[in-house]
């Protein structure tokens, strides 16, 4: 794993593998970098709104106003950045925006995790990252590249392979372990 301090402070060039993703999530999920956003959003949660909805609306607003945007990774590098770098750059790709949303949810006390797998459209599947969690309305999937929020079950076009959270990386491909939710990968 290489770092890119000039282009993107705190960013890592991650070779795609479960062990590297587990290491990367440890370094890029940084709730302390989004405490200001938490202070802005937490009153909405206290007023009765579900945290998943509040964070999805925030991400959607940031994307709509162009304060955040989708930025593709440089050729040959799966760049993962912490929230401060994503904010400084004005955006990132799916893993950067997911780490950003995950950090906001975490600092707000909402259980969530980053999922890595595939997003399939028509007959084409591409590697992708997104956030899943639970709040007062139950399960949610937050698509951090658009701010879309799905409730109650994962849409079939999302194919989860790994669940990533600092200190807990699970392989979701093994059906028996998926039920048990206990298989640690790469560590």
N, C-alpha and C. Protein backbone atom coordinates (compact mmCIF):
# COMPACT_ATOMS: atom_id res chain seq x y z
N UNK A 1 0.85 -1.16 0.00
CA UNK A 1 0.00 0.00 0.00
C UNK A 1 0.89 1.23 0.00
N UNK A 2 0.62 2.16 -0.90
CA UNK A 2 1.38 3.41 -0.96
C UNK A 2 0.50 4.56 -0.50
N UNK A 3 1.11 5.63 -0.01
CA UNK A 3 0.34 6.81 0.36
C UNK A 3 0.62 7.93 -0.63
N UNK A 4 -0.29 8.90 -0.68
CA UNK A 4 -0.20 10.02 -1.60
C UNK A 4 -0.38 11.33 -0.85
N UNK A 5 0.59 11.72 0.00
CA UNK A 5 0.40 12.87 0.87
C UNK A 5 0.23 14.20 0.15
N UNK A 6 0.82 14.39 -1.02
CA UNK A 6 0.73 15.67 -1.71
C UNK A 6 -0.62 15.81 -2.40
N UNK A 7 -1.02 14.78 -3.12
CA UNK A 7 -2.27 14.80 -3.87
C UNK A 7 -3.48 14.67 -2.95
N UNK A 8 -3.34 13.84 -1.94
CA UNK A 8 -4.47 13.49 -1.09
C UNK A 8 -3.95 13.08 0.28
N UNK A 9 -3.83 14.02 1.21
CA UNK A 9 -3.29 13.70 2.54
C UNK A 9 -4.08 12.59 3.24
N UNK A 10 -3.36 11.58 3.70
CA UNK A 10 -3.98 10.46 4.39
C UNK A 10 -4.54 9.39 3.47
N UNK A 11 -4.42 9.58 2.16
CA UNK A 11 -4.95 8.61 1.20
C UNK A 11 -3.97 7.47 0.98
N UNK A 12 -4.53 6.34 0.62
CA UNK A 12 -3.75 5.12 0.38
C UNK A 12 -4.08 4.57 -0.99
N UNK A 13 -3.09 4.03 -1.67
CA UNK A 13 -3.32 3.29 -2.91
C UNK A 13 -3.44 1.83 -2.48
N UNK A 14 -4.64 1.29 -2.58
CA UNK A 14 -4.95 -0.02 -2.02
C UNK A 14 -5.03 -1.07 -3.13
N UNK A 15 -4.15 -2.07 -3.06
CA UNK A 15 -4.26 -3.20 -3.98
C UNK A 15 -5.48 -4.02 -3.54
N UNK A 16 -6.40 -4.30 -4.47
CA UNK A 16 -7.64 -4.98 -4.09
C UNK A 16 -7.41 -6.38 -3.50
N UNK A 17 -7.60 -6.49 -2.19
CA UNK A 17 -7.58 -7.77 -1.50
C UNK A 17 -8.24 -7.57 -0.15
N UNK A 18 -8.84 -8.61 0.41
CA UNK A 18 -9.49 -8.48 1.72
C UNK A 18 -8.55 -7.95 2.80
N UNK A 19 -7.31 -8.45 2.84
CA UNK A 19 -6.38 -7.99 3.87
C UNK A 19 -6.09 -6.50 3.71
N UNK A 20 -5.91 -6.04 2.49
CA UNK A 20 -5.63 -4.62 2.26
C UNK A 20 -6.85 -3.75 2.57
N UNK A 21 -8.06 -4.23 2.25
CA UNK A 21 -9.27 -3.47 2.57
C UNK A 21 -9.43 -3.34 4.08
N UNK A 22 -9.13 -4.43 4.80
CA UNK A 22 -9.22 -4.39 6.27
C UNK A 22 -8.23 -3.37 6.83
N UNK A 23 -7.03 -3.34 6.30
CA UNK A 23 -6.04 -2.36 6.73
C UNK A 23 -6.49 -0.95 6.36
N UNK A 24 -7.03 -0.79 5.16
CA UNK A 24 -7.44 0.54 4.70
C UNK A 24 -8.58 1.10 5.53
N UNK A 25 -9.57 0.29 5.89
CA UNK A 25 -10.71 0.81 6.66
C UNK A 25 -10.24 1.30 8.03
N UNK A 26 -9.23 0.64 8.58
CA UNK A 26 -8.65 1.09 9.86
C UNK A 26 -8.10 2.51 9.73
N UNK A 27 -7.59 2.84 8.55
CA UNK A 27 -6.91 4.12 8.35
C UNK A 27 -7.83 5.23 7.83
N UNK A 28 -8.93 4.86 7.15
CA UNK A 28 -9.75 5.91 6.53
C UNK A 28 -11.07 6.19 7.25
N UNK A 29 -11.52 5.29 8.13
CA UNK A 29 -12.72 5.61 8.88
C UNK A 29 -12.28 6.49 10.05
N UNK A 30 -12.59 7.76 9.98
CA UNK A 30 -12.11 8.73 10.95
C UNK A 30 -13.25 9.62 11.45
N UNK A 31 -14.03 9.13 12.44
CA UNK A 31 -15.15 9.92 12.95
C UNK A 31 -14.74 11.29 13.47
N UNK A 32 -13.54 11.41 14.02
CA UNK A 32 -13.10 12.69 14.57
C UNK A 32 -13.00 13.78 13.50
N UNK A 33 -12.91 13.36 12.22
CA UNK A 33 -12.80 14.33 11.13
C UNK A 33 -14.15 14.87 10.66
N UNK A 34 -15.23 14.35 11.21
CA UNK A 34 -16.57 14.80 10.80
C UNK A 34 -17.44 15.19 11.99
N UNK A 35 -16.81 15.51 13.11
CA UNK A 35 -17.59 15.91 14.29
C UNK A 35 -18.43 17.16 14.02
N UNK A 36 -17.93 18.07 13.18
CA UNK A 36 -18.70 19.27 12.86
C UNK A 36 -19.99 18.92 12.12
N UNK A 37 -19.92 17.93 11.26
CA UNK A 37 -21.12 17.48 10.53
C UNK A 37 -22.07 16.80 11.50
N UNK A 38 -21.54 16.01 12.40
CA UNK A 38 -22.38 15.36 13.41
C UNK A 38 -23.14 16.39 14.24
N UNK A 39 -22.45 17.45 14.64
CA UNK A 39 -23.12 18.49 15.44
C UNK A 39 -24.25 19.14 14.64
N UNK A 40 -24.10 19.23 13.35
CA UNK A 40 -25.12 19.79 12.48
C UNK A 40 -26.32 18.84 12.32
N UNK A 41 -26.05 17.54 12.24
CA UNK A 41 -27.10 16.56 11.92
C UNK A 41 -27.78 15.94 13.14
N UNK A 42 -27.07 15.82 14.24
CA UNK A 42 -27.61 15.13 15.42
C UNK A 42 -28.94 15.73 15.90
N UNK A 43 -29.14 17.04 15.88
CA UNK A 43 -30.45 17.56 16.30
C UNK A 43 -31.62 17.01 15.49
N UNK A 44 -31.40 16.71 14.22
CA UNK A 44 -32.46 16.12 13.40
C UNK A 44 -32.81 14.71 13.90
N UNK A 45 -31.79 13.96 14.33
CA UNK A 45 -32.01 12.62 14.87
C UNK A 45 -32.76 12.73 16.20
N UNK A 46 -32.36 13.69 17.02
CA UNK A 46 -33.03 13.89 18.31
C UNK A 46 -34.48 14.34 18.12
N UNK A 47 -34.76 14.96 16.97
CA UNK A 47 -36.12 15.41 16.68
C UNK A 47 -36.99 14.28 16.12
N UNK A 48 -36.42 13.08 16.02
CA UNK A 48 -37.22 11.93 15.60
C UNK A 48 -36.91 11.37 14.22
N UNK A 49 -36.02 12.00 13.48
CA UNK A 49 -35.66 11.48 12.16
C UNK A 49 -34.65 10.34 12.30
N UNK A 50 -34.72 9.38 11.42
CA UNK A 50 -33.80 8.25 11.45
C UNK A 50 -32.42 8.68 10.94
N UNK A 51 -31.36 8.22 11.61
CA UNK A 51 -29.99 8.62 11.27
C UNK A 51 -29.64 8.29 9.82
N UNK A 52 -30.05 7.14 9.32
CA UNK A 52 -29.76 6.79 7.93
C UNK A 52 -30.33 7.80 6.97
N UNK A 53 -31.58 8.22 7.22
CA UNK A 53 -32.23 9.22 6.37
C UNK A 53 -31.51 10.56 6.45
N UNK A 54 -31.13 10.96 7.65
CA UNK A 54 -30.48 12.25 7.86
C UNK A 54 -29.13 12.30 7.14
N UNK A 55 -28.33 11.25 7.28
CA UNK A 55 -27.02 11.23 6.63
C UNK A 55 -27.17 11.11 5.12
N UNK A 56 -28.11 10.30 4.65
CA UNK A 56 -28.35 10.19 3.20
C UNK A 56 -28.77 11.55 2.62
N UNK A 57 -29.65 12.26 3.32
CA UNK A 57 -30.06 13.59 2.86
C UNK A 57 -28.88 14.55 2.82
N UNK A 58 -28.01 14.46 3.83
CA UNK A 58 -26.84 15.32 3.86
C UNK A 58 -25.92 15.03 2.67
N UNK A 59 -25.63 13.75 2.43
CA UNK A 59 -24.77 13.37 1.31
C UNK A 59 -25.40 13.82 -0.01
N UNK A 60 -26.70 13.57 -0.16
CA UNK A 60 -27.41 13.97 -1.38
C UNK A 60 -27.31 15.49 -1.58
N UNK A 61 -27.47 16.27 -0.52
CA UNK A 61 -27.37 17.73 -0.60
C UNK A 61 -25.96 18.16 -0.98
N UNK A 62 -24.95 17.54 -0.38
CA UNK A 62 -23.56 17.88 -0.70
C UNK A 62 -23.24 17.58 -2.17
N UNK A 63 -23.78 16.48 -2.67
CA UNK A 63 -23.57 16.13 -4.09
C UNK A 63 -24.33 17.08 -5.01
N UNK A 64 -25.57 17.42 -4.65
CA UNK A 64 -26.39 18.30 -5.48
C UNK A 64 -25.81 19.71 -5.57
N UNK A 65 -25.20 20.18 -4.49
CA UNK A 65 -24.62 21.53 -4.49
C UNK A 65 -23.16 21.53 -4.94
N UNK A 66 -22.66 20.36 -5.30
CA UNK A 66 -21.29 20.19 -5.82
C UNK A 66 -20.21 20.42 -4.76
N UNK A 67 -20.58 20.42 -3.47
CA UNK A 67 -19.55 20.48 -2.43
C UNK A 67 -18.82 19.14 -2.35
N UNK A 68 -19.53 18.07 -2.76
CA UNK A 68 -18.92 16.76 -2.96
C UNK A 68 -19.30 16.30 -4.36
N UNK A 69 -18.41 15.54 -4.98
CA UNK A 69 -18.71 14.99 -6.31
C UNK A 69 -17.97 13.67 -6.46
N UNK A 70 -18.40 12.91 -7.45
CA UNK A 70 -17.71 11.66 -7.75
C UNK A 70 -16.41 12.00 -8.45
N UNK A 71 -15.30 11.50 -7.92
CA UNK A 71 -13.99 11.68 -8.55
C UNK A 71 -13.40 10.29 -8.74
N UNK A 72 -13.18 9.91 -9.98
CA UNK A 72 -12.62 8.59 -10.28
C UNK A 72 -11.18 8.50 -9.76
N UNK A 73 -10.78 7.30 -9.42
CA UNK A 73 -9.41 7.06 -8.97
C UNK A 73 -8.43 7.25 -10.13
N UNK A 74 -7.17 7.60 -9.80
CA UNK A 74 -6.16 7.67 -10.85
C UNK A 74 -5.91 6.27 -11.43
N UNK A 75 -5.47 6.23 -12.66
CA UNK A 75 -5.20 4.95 -13.32
C UNK A 75 -4.22 4.12 -12.51
N UNK A 76 -4.55 2.86 -12.32
CA UNK A 76 -3.65 1.93 -11.64
C UNK A 76 -3.63 2.03 -10.13
N UNK A 77 -4.56 2.78 -9.54
CA UNK A 77 -4.56 2.94 -8.09
C UNK A 77 -5.98 3.01 -7.56
N UNK A 78 -6.31 2.14 -6.61
CA UNK A 78 -7.59 2.22 -5.91
C UNK A 78 -7.33 3.10 -4.69
N UNK A 79 -7.56 4.40 -4.85
CA UNK A 79 -7.24 5.40 -3.83
C UNK A 79 -8.33 5.44 -2.77
N UNK A 80 -7.99 5.22 -1.51
CA UNK A 80 -8.92 5.29 -0.38
C UNK A 80 -8.51 6.47 0.47
N UNK A 81 -9.46 7.37 0.75
CA UNK A 81 -9.15 8.55 1.54
C UNK A 81 -10.04 8.71 2.75
N UNK A 82 -9.49 9.29 3.83
CA UNK A 82 -10.29 9.60 5.02
C UNK A 82 -11.20 10.79 4.74
N UNK A 83 -12.18 11.05 5.59
CA UNK A 83 -13.12 12.15 5.36
C UNK A 83 -12.46 13.51 5.13
N UNK A 84 -11.40 13.83 5.88
CA UNK A 84 -10.75 15.14 5.70
C UNK A 84 -10.21 15.29 4.29
N UNK A 85 -9.63 14.23 3.73
CA UNK A 85 -9.11 14.27 2.37
C UNK A 85 -10.25 14.36 1.36
N UNK A 86 -11.33 13.62 1.61
CA UNK A 86 -12.48 13.67 0.71
C UNK A 86 -13.06 15.07 0.68
N UNK A 87 -13.17 15.70 1.83
CA UNK A 87 -13.69 17.07 1.89
C UNK A 87 -12.73 18.05 1.20
N UNK A 88 -11.43 17.89 1.45
CA UNK A 88 -10.44 18.78 0.85
C UNK A 88 -10.46 18.68 -0.69
N UNK A 89 -10.57 17.45 -1.19
CA UNK A 89 -10.60 17.22 -2.63
C UNK A 89 -11.94 17.58 -3.25
N UNK A 90 -12.97 17.68 -2.41
CA UNK A 90 -14.31 17.97 -2.93
C UNK A 90 -15.02 16.73 -3.42
N UNK A 91 -14.59 15.56 -2.94
CA UNK A 91 -15.25 14.32 -3.33
C UNK A 91 -14.29 13.15 -3.39
N UNK A 92 -14.76 12.10 -4.03
CA UNK A 92 -13.99 10.87 -4.17
C UNK A 92 -14.83 9.84 -4.89
N UNK A 93 -14.34 8.62 -4.91
CA UNK A 93 -15.13 7.56 -5.55
C UNK A 93 -15.93 6.83 -4.48
N UNK A 94 -16.43 5.65 -4.80
CA UNK A 94 -17.36 4.96 -3.90
C UNK A 94 -16.76 4.64 -2.53
N UNK A 95 -15.49 4.23 -2.48
CA UNK A 95 -14.92 3.90 -1.17
C UNK A 95 -14.65 5.15 -0.34
N UNK A 96 -14.24 6.24 -0.97
CA UNK A 96 -14.01 7.50 -0.24
C UNK A 96 -15.31 8.05 0.33
N UNK A 97 -16.34 8.11 -0.51
CA UNK A 97 -17.63 8.64 -0.07
C UNK A 97 -18.29 7.71 0.96
N UNK A 98 -18.05 6.41 0.83
CA UNK A 98 -18.58 5.47 1.83
C UNK A 98 -17.85 5.64 3.17
N UNK A 99 -16.53 5.81 3.14
CA UNK A 99 -15.78 6.05 4.38
C UNK A 99 -16.23 7.35 5.03
N UNK A 100 -16.54 8.35 4.22
CA UNK A 100 -17.05 9.62 4.72
C UNK A 100 -18.39 9.40 5.43
N UNK A 101 -19.36 8.77 4.75
CA UNK A 101 -20.69 8.53 5.33
C UNK A 101 -20.60 7.63 6.56
N UNK A 102 -19.76 6.59 6.48
CA UNK A 102 -19.59 5.67 7.61
C UNK A 102 -19.04 6.41 8.83
N UNK A 103 -18.10 7.31 8.61
CA UNK A 103 -17.53 8.08 9.71
C UNK A 103 -18.59 8.98 10.35
N UNK A 104 -19.44 9.60 9.53
CA UNK A 104 -20.51 10.45 10.07
C UNK A 104 -21.48 9.60 10.89
N UNK A 105 -21.91 8.48 10.35
CA UNK A 105 -22.83 7.60 11.08
C UNK A 105 -22.20 7.13 12.39
N UNK A 106 -20.92 6.78 12.34
CA UNK A 106 -20.25 6.29 13.53
C UNK A 106 -20.17 7.34 14.63
N UNK A 107 -19.80 8.56 14.28
CA UNK A 107 -19.69 9.60 15.30
C UNK A 107 -21.07 9.96 15.87
N UNK A 108 -22.13 9.68 15.12
CA UNK A 108 -23.50 9.91 15.60
C UNK A 108 -24.01 8.73 16.42
N UNK A 109 -23.20 7.66 16.53
CA UNK A 109 -23.60 6.51 17.33
C UNK A 109 -24.49 5.52 16.61
N UNK A 110 -24.52 5.58 15.29
CA UNK A 110 -25.36 4.68 14.49
C UNK A 110 -24.54 3.51 13.99
N UNK A 111 -24.92 2.28 14.33
CA UNK A 111 -24.16 1.11 13.85
C UNK A 111 -24.24 0.99 12.33
N UNK A 112 -23.07 0.92 11.72
CA UNK A 112 -23.00 0.80 10.26
C UNK A 112 -21.65 0.19 9.89
N UNK A 113 -21.55 -0.26 8.66
CA UNK A 113 -20.33 -0.87 8.15
C UNK A 113 -20.21 -0.57 6.66
N UNK A 114 -18.98 -0.62 6.14
CA UNK A 114 -18.78 -0.47 4.70
C UNK A 114 -18.81 -1.86 4.08
N UNK A 115 -19.52 -1.98 2.98
CA UNK A 115 -19.57 -3.24 2.24
C UNK A 115 -18.78 -3.08 0.95
N UNK A 116 -18.03 -4.09 0.60
CA UNK A 116 -17.30 -4.13 -0.67
C UNK A 116 -17.80 -5.34 -1.43
N UNK A 117 -18.10 -5.14 -2.68
CA UNK A 117 -18.60 -6.23 -3.52
C UNK A 117 -18.78 -5.74 -4.93
N UNK A 118 -19.95 -6.00 -5.49
CA UNK A 118 -20.24 -5.62 -6.87
C UNK A 118 -21.60 -4.95 -6.97
N UNK A 119 -21.68 -3.98 -7.86
CA UNK A 119 -22.95 -3.35 -8.22
C UNK A 119 -23.22 -3.78 -9.65
N UNK A 120 -24.34 -4.46 -9.85
CA UNK A 120 -24.67 -5.02 -11.16
C UNK A 120 -25.81 -4.24 -11.81
N UNK A 121 -25.60 -3.88 -13.03
CA UNK A 121 -26.62 -3.20 -13.85
C UNK A 121 -26.67 -3.93 -15.18
N UNK A 122 -27.87 -4.29 -15.57
CA UNK A 122 -28.06 -5.10 -16.77
C UNK A 122 -27.21 -6.36 -16.61
N UNK A 123 -26.28 -6.60 -17.50
CA UNK A 123 -25.44 -7.79 -17.39
C UNK A 123 -24.01 -7.46 -16.99
N UNK A 124 -23.80 -6.26 -16.51
CA UNK A 124 -22.45 -5.81 -16.18
C UNK A 124 -22.34 -5.55 -14.67
N UNK A 125 -21.31 -6.13 -14.06
CA UNK A 125 -21.05 -5.92 -12.64
C UNK A 125 -19.68 -5.26 -12.47
N UNK A 126 -19.63 -4.26 -11.60
CA UNK A 126 -18.38 -3.56 -11.32
C UNK A 126 -18.11 -3.56 -9.83
N UNK A 127 -16.84 -3.57 -9.45
CA UNK A 127 -16.47 -3.48 -8.06
C UNK A 127 -17.04 -2.20 -7.45
N UNK A 128 -17.52 -2.31 -6.21
CA UNK A 128 -18.20 -1.15 -5.61
C UNK A 128 -18.14 -1.23 -4.09
N UNK A 129 -18.31 -0.08 -3.44
CA UNK A 129 -18.40 0.00 -1.98
C UNK A 129 -19.62 0.85 -1.62
N UNK A 130 -20.27 0.49 -0.51
CA UNK A 130 -21.42 1.23 -0.02
C UNK A 130 -21.52 1.03 1.48
N UNK A 131 -22.50 1.64 2.12
CA UNK A 131 -22.65 1.57 3.57
C UNK A 131 -23.98 0.89 3.91
N UNK A 132 -23.95 0.02 4.91
CA UNK A 132 -25.17 -0.57 5.44
C UNK A 132 -25.17 -0.40 6.95
N UNK A 133 -26.36 -0.23 7.51
CA UNK A 133 -26.45 -0.07 8.95
C UNK A 133 -27.87 -0.25 9.44
N UNK A 134 -28.08 0.14 10.68
CA UNK A 134 -29.40 0.04 11.29
C UNK A 134 -29.67 1.25 12.16
N UNK A 135 -30.88 1.75 12.09
CA UNK A 135 -31.30 2.87 12.92
C UNK A 135 -32.73 2.61 13.40
N UNK A 136 -33.41 3.62 13.90
CA UNK A 136 -34.74 3.42 14.48
C UNK A 136 -35.77 2.88 13.48
N UNK A 137 -35.50 2.98 12.20
CA UNK A 137 -36.40 2.44 11.19
C UNK A 137 -35.93 1.09 10.66
N UNK A 138 -34.87 0.55 11.23
CA UNK A 138 -34.35 -0.75 10.81
C UNK A 138 -33.19 -0.65 9.85
N UNK A 139 -33.00 -1.71 9.08
CA UNK A 139 -31.89 -1.83 8.13
C UNK A 139 -31.95 -0.71 7.09
N UNK A 140 -30.75 -0.23 6.69
CA UNK A 140 -30.66 0.67 5.54
C UNK A 140 -29.39 0.39 4.76
N UNK A 141 -29.44 0.68 3.48
CA UNK A 141 -28.27 0.69 2.60
C UNK A 141 -28.16 2.12 2.09
N UNK A 142 -27.01 2.73 2.31
CA UNK A 142 -26.76 4.09 1.84
C UNK A 142 -25.77 4.02 0.68
N UNK A 143 -26.23 4.44 -0.49
CA UNK A 143 -25.38 4.53 -1.68
C UNK A 143 -24.70 5.89 -1.63
N UNK A 144 -23.45 5.90 -1.18
CA UNK A 144 -22.75 7.16 -0.90
C UNK A 144 -22.40 7.95 -2.16
N UNK A 145 -22.44 7.34 -3.33
CA UNK A 145 -22.13 8.10 -4.55
C UNK A 145 -23.32 8.92 -5.03
N UNK A 146 -24.50 8.68 -4.46
CA UNK A 146 -25.70 9.44 -4.86
C UNK A 146 -26.51 9.95 -3.67
N UNK A 147 -26.31 9.36 -2.51
CA UNK A 147 -27.13 9.70 -1.35
C UNK A 147 -28.43 8.92 -1.31
N UNK A 148 -28.61 7.97 -2.22
CA UNK A 148 -29.82 7.16 -2.22
C UNK A 148 -29.82 6.26 -0.98
N UNK A 149 -31.01 6.04 -0.42
CA UNK A 149 -31.15 5.21 0.76
C UNK A 149 -32.20 4.14 0.47
N UNK A 150 -31.86 2.90 0.76
CA UNK A 150 -32.77 1.77 0.58
C UNK A 150 -33.06 1.19 1.95
N UNK A 151 -34.29 0.86 2.20
CA UNK A 151 -34.72 0.37 3.50
C UNK A 151 -35.11 -1.11 3.45
N UNK A 152 -34.90 -1.78 4.57
CA UNK A 152 -35.40 -3.12 4.89
C UNK A 152 -34.68 -4.27 4.23
N UNK A 153 -34.15 -4.11 3.03
CA UNK A 153 -33.33 -5.17 2.43
C UNK A 153 -32.43 -4.59 1.35
N UNK A 154 -31.34 -5.28 1.10
CA UNK A 154 -30.37 -4.87 0.09
C UNK A 154 -30.96 -5.16 -1.30
N UNK A 155 -31.01 -4.16 -2.18
CA UNK A 155 -31.45 -4.43 -3.55
C UNK A 155 -30.57 -5.50 -4.19
N UNK A 156 -31.16 -6.34 -5.01
CA UNK A 156 -30.44 -7.49 -5.58
C UNK A 156 -29.26 -7.09 -6.46
N UNK A 157 -29.24 -5.87 -6.96
CA UNK A 157 -28.11 -5.46 -7.81
C UNK A 157 -26.83 -5.23 -7.01
N UNK A 158 -26.96 -5.13 -5.67
CA UNK A 158 -25.79 -5.01 -4.78
C UNK A 158 -25.39 -6.41 -4.33
N UNK A 159 -24.17 -6.81 -4.65
CA UNK A 159 -23.67 -8.13 -4.28
C UNK A 159 -22.53 -7.96 -3.29
N UNK A 160 -22.83 -8.13 -2.02
CA UNK A 160 -21.84 -7.92 -0.96
C UNK A 160 -20.89 -9.11 -0.85
N UNK A 161 -19.60 -8.83 -0.77
CA UNK A 161 -18.60 -9.87 -0.55
C UNK A 161 -17.92 -9.71 0.80
N UNK A 162 -17.66 -8.46 1.22
CA UNK A 162 -16.97 -8.22 2.48
C UNK A 162 -17.63 -7.08 3.24
N UNK A 163 -17.67 -7.24 4.55
CA UNK A 163 -18.14 -6.20 5.45
C UNK A 163 -16.93 -5.67 6.20
N UNK A 164 -16.69 -4.35 6.12
CA UNK A 164 -15.48 -3.76 6.68
C UNK A 164 -15.81 -2.73 7.74
N UNK A 165 -15.19 -2.88 8.89
CA UNK A 165 -15.27 -1.91 9.97
C UNK A 165 -13.98 -2.08 10.76
N UNK A 166 -13.41 -1.00 11.28
CA UNK A 166 -12.15 -1.17 12.03
C UNK A 166 -12.25 -2.27 13.08
N UNK A 167 -11.33 -3.21 13.00
CA UNK A 167 -11.29 -4.33 13.94
C UNK A 167 -12.22 -5.47 13.60
N UNK A 168 -13.01 -5.35 12.51
CA UNK A 168 -13.98 -6.40 12.17
C UNK A 168 -14.18 -6.43 10.66
N UNK A 169 -13.56 -7.41 10.02
CA UNK A 169 -13.73 -7.59 8.58
C UNK A 169 -14.29 -8.98 8.34
N UNK A 170 -15.46 -9.04 7.72
CA UNK A 170 -16.14 -10.32 7.53
C UNK A 170 -16.25 -10.68 6.07
N UNK A 171 -16.01 -11.95 5.76
CA UNK A 171 -16.22 -12.49 4.43
C UNK A 171 -17.67 -12.94 4.35
N UNK A 172 -18.45 -12.30 3.50
CA UNK A 172 -19.87 -12.60 3.40
C UNK A 172 -20.19 -13.61 2.29
N UNK A 173 -19.18 -14.09 1.61
CA UNK A 173 -19.42 -15.02 0.50
C UNK A 173 -19.68 -16.44 0.97
N UNK A 174 -19.18 -16.83 2.10
CA UNK A 174 -19.35 -18.17 2.64
C UNK A 174 -20.72 -18.23 3.33
N UNK A 175 -21.65 -18.99 2.78
CA UNK A 175 -23.03 -19.02 3.26
C UNK A 175 -23.12 -19.38 4.74
N UNK A 176 -22.38 -20.40 5.18
CA UNK A 176 -22.44 -20.80 6.58
C UNK A 176 -21.92 -19.68 7.48
N UNK A 177 -20.80 -19.08 7.11
CA UNK A 177 -20.24 -18.01 7.91
C UNK A 177 -21.07 -16.74 7.80
N UNK A 178 -21.71 -16.55 6.64
CA UNK A 178 -22.58 -15.39 6.47
C UNK A 178 -23.69 -15.44 7.52
N UNK A 179 -24.27 -16.62 7.73
CA UNK A 179 -25.31 -16.78 8.74
C UNK A 179 -24.75 -16.51 10.12
N UNK A 180 -23.57 -17.00 10.39
CA UNK A 180 -22.96 -16.82 11.70
C UNK A 180 -22.38 -15.41 11.85
N UNK A 181 -22.00 -14.80 10.70
CA UNK A 181 -21.44 -13.45 10.74
C UNK A 181 -20.13 -13.36 11.50
N UNK A 182 -19.29 -14.42 11.42
CA UNK A 182 -18.11 -14.42 12.27
C UNK A 182 -16.80 -14.71 11.56
N UNK A 183 -16.77 -14.79 10.28
CA UNK A 183 -15.51 -15.12 9.63
C UNK A 183 -14.67 -13.87 9.38
N UNK A 184 -13.56 -13.77 10.03
CA UNK A 184 -12.67 -12.63 9.85
C UNK A 184 -11.75 -12.93 8.69
N UNK A 185 -11.55 -11.93 7.81
CA UNK A 185 -10.68 -12.11 6.67
C UNK A 185 -9.46 -11.22 6.80
N UNK A 186 -8.38 -11.67 6.27
CA UNK A 186 -7.20 -10.83 6.11
C UNK A 186 -6.50 -10.39 7.38
N UNK A 187 -6.94 -10.85 8.51
CA UNK A 187 -6.28 -10.44 9.75
C UNK A 187 -5.96 -11.64 10.61
